[in-house]
Protein backbone atom coordinates (compact mmCIF):
# COMPACT_ATOMS: atom_id res chain seq x y z
CA MET A 1 118.43 105.64 147.02
CA THR A 2 121.78 104.68 148.53
CA SER A 3 125.14 105.57 147.08
CA PRO A 4 127.05 102.72 145.54
CA ALA A 5 129.70 101.28 147.87
CA ILE A 6 133.23 100.63 146.71
CA GLU A 7 133.96 96.98 146.25
CA TRP A 8 136.75 95.32 148.27
CA TRP A 9 139.04 95.15 145.26
CA GLY A 10 138.59 98.93 144.75
CA TRP A 11 139.88 99.60 148.25
CA LEU A 12 142.71 97.22 147.60
CA ALA A 13 143.64 99.08 144.39
CA ILE A 14 143.47 102.50 146.08
CA TRP A 15 145.65 101.44 149.01
CA GLY A 16 148.03 99.60 146.71
CA ALA A 17 148.49 102.74 144.56
CA LEU A 18 148.96 104.93 147.64
CA SER A 19 151.54 102.48 149.03
CA LEU A 20 153.44 102.45 145.72
CA CYS A 21 153.44 106.25 145.63
CA LEU A 22 154.74 106.35 149.22
CA ILE A 23 157.53 103.88 148.44
CA ALA A 24 158.48 105.83 145.29
CA MET A 25 158.53 109.10 147.23
CA LEU A 26 160.65 107.60 150.02
CA ALA A 27 163.08 106.15 147.45
CA LEU A 28 163.34 109.54 145.74
CA PHE A 29 164.08 111.30 149.05
CA ALA A 30 166.61 108.60 149.99
CA TRP A 31 168.42 109.05 146.66
CA TRP A 32 168.36 112.84 147.09
CA LEU A 33 169.83 112.57 150.61
CA PHE A 34 172.43 110.04 149.45
CA ARG A 35 173.61 112.43 146.71
CA LYS A 36 173.86 115.27 149.25
CA PHE A 37 175.81 112.98 151.58
CA LEU A 38 178.29 112.16 148.79
CA ALA A 39 178.72 115.88 148.02
CA LEU A 40 179.28 116.54 151.73
CA MET A 41 181.95 113.85 151.94
CA ASP A 42 183.69 115.30 148.87
CA ASP A 43 183.66 118.78 150.41
CA LEU A 44 184.95 117.42 153.72
CA GLY A 45 187.83 115.76 151.84
CA ASP A 46 188.70 119.10 150.21
CA LEU A 47 188.45 120.81 153.59
CA ALA A 48 190.78 118.25 155.16
CA GLU A 49 193.37 118.88 152.42
CA THR A 50 193.09 122.64 152.95
CA ALA A 51 193.37 122.27 156.72
CA GLU A 52 196.45 120.13 156.22
CA LEU A 53 198.05 122.96 154.26
CA LEU A 54 197.10 125.51 156.90
CA THR A 55 198.49 123.67 159.92
CA PRO A 56 200.97 125.87 161.76
CA ASP A 57 204.64 124.98 161.63
CA ASP A 58 206.75 124.43 164.72
CA ASP A 59 208.66 127.66 164.06
CA ALA A 60 205.47 129.74 163.88
CA PRO A 61 205.55 132.92 165.99
CA ALA A 62 204.22 132.61 169.50
CA ARG A 63 200.83 134.01 170.35
CA PRO A 64 200.99 137.63 171.47
CA GLU A 65 201.03 138.33 175.16
CA LEU A 66 197.80 139.66 176.63
CA ALA A 67 198.15 143.30 177.65
CA VAL A 68 196.03 142.67 180.74
CA LEU A 69 198.62 140.23 182.08
CA ALA A 70 201.71 142.28 181.13
CA ALA A 71 203.39 144.98 183.15
CA TYR A 72 202.20 148.53 182.50
CA ARG A 73 205.68 149.77 181.53
CA ASP A 74 206.03 147.05 178.89
CA VAL A 75 202.62 147.75 177.39
CA TYR A 76 203.26 151.50 177.40
CA ALA A 77 206.67 151.10 175.76
CA LYS A 78 205.27 148.80 173.07
CA ARG A 79 202.45 151.27 172.38
CA GLU A 80 204.90 154.16 172.13
CA VAL A 81 206.96 152.24 169.57
CA GLN A 82 203.80 151.62 167.55
CA ARG A 83 202.84 155.31 167.76
CA SER A 84 206.27 156.48 166.66
CA ARG A 85 206.26 154.10 163.68
CA ALA A 86 202.78 155.26 162.69
CA SER A 87 203.72 158.94 162.97
CA GLU A 88 206.88 158.31 160.92
CA ARG A 89 204.86 156.58 158.19
CA ALA A 90 202.34 159.45 158.24
CA ARG A 91 205.16 162.01 157.96
CA VAL A 92 206.70 160.17 155.01
CA ARG A 93 203.30 160.00 153.26
CA HIS A 94 202.75 163.70 153.90
CA ASP A 95 206.17 164.61 152.54
CA LYS A 96 205.54 162.53 149.42
CA ARG A 97 202.18 164.25 148.86
CA VAL A 98 203.68 167.70 149.31
CA ALA A 99 206.55 166.90 146.93
CA ARG A 100 204.11 165.59 144.32
CA GLY A 101 201.92 168.66 144.72
CA LYS A 102 204.90 170.95 144.22
CA ARG A 103 206.02 168.93 141.23
CA ILE A 104 202.68 169.06 139.40
CA THR A 105 201.83 172.70 140.26
CA GLY A 106 205.23 174.29 139.83
CA VAL A 107 205.46 174.51 136.02
CA ASP A 108 207.91 177.02 134.56
CA ALA A 109 206.02 178.63 131.69
CA THR A 110 209.21 179.70 129.90
CA SER A 111 210.53 176.17 129.57
CA VAL A 112 207.30 174.65 128.24
CA ARG A 113 206.87 174.29 124.48
CA TRP A 114 203.36 175.59 123.81
CA PRO A 115 201.42 174.85 120.60
CA GLU A 116 201.93 177.36 117.76
CA GLU A 117 198.23 178.16 117.42
CA TRP A 118 198.15 179.55 120.96
CA TYR A 119 200.32 182.56 120.00
């Protein structure tokens, strides 16, 4: 016994349904990509506004000089200034910490009013 063959109109219906599914899927992907493209354009517009705000002014400070191209004496002097400022800041912080430590640990017991129930 032979298996029944699909009639010509059956093949036509199958391929017609597959073609409609393909067109629907392609339309869905096209819509999805179009929405992403619109979101990208909106984000690029926001980025352009932000970049416009961040453009440097004409009176912006000049770029720092590369130490490789500068004279050794200049680089050394600049580094010494930075070191002295850092050591001064460290000394001030240390003095503040020591003063605070003395202030919170040096309590005169005779001048403090203690609770009555402690006597």
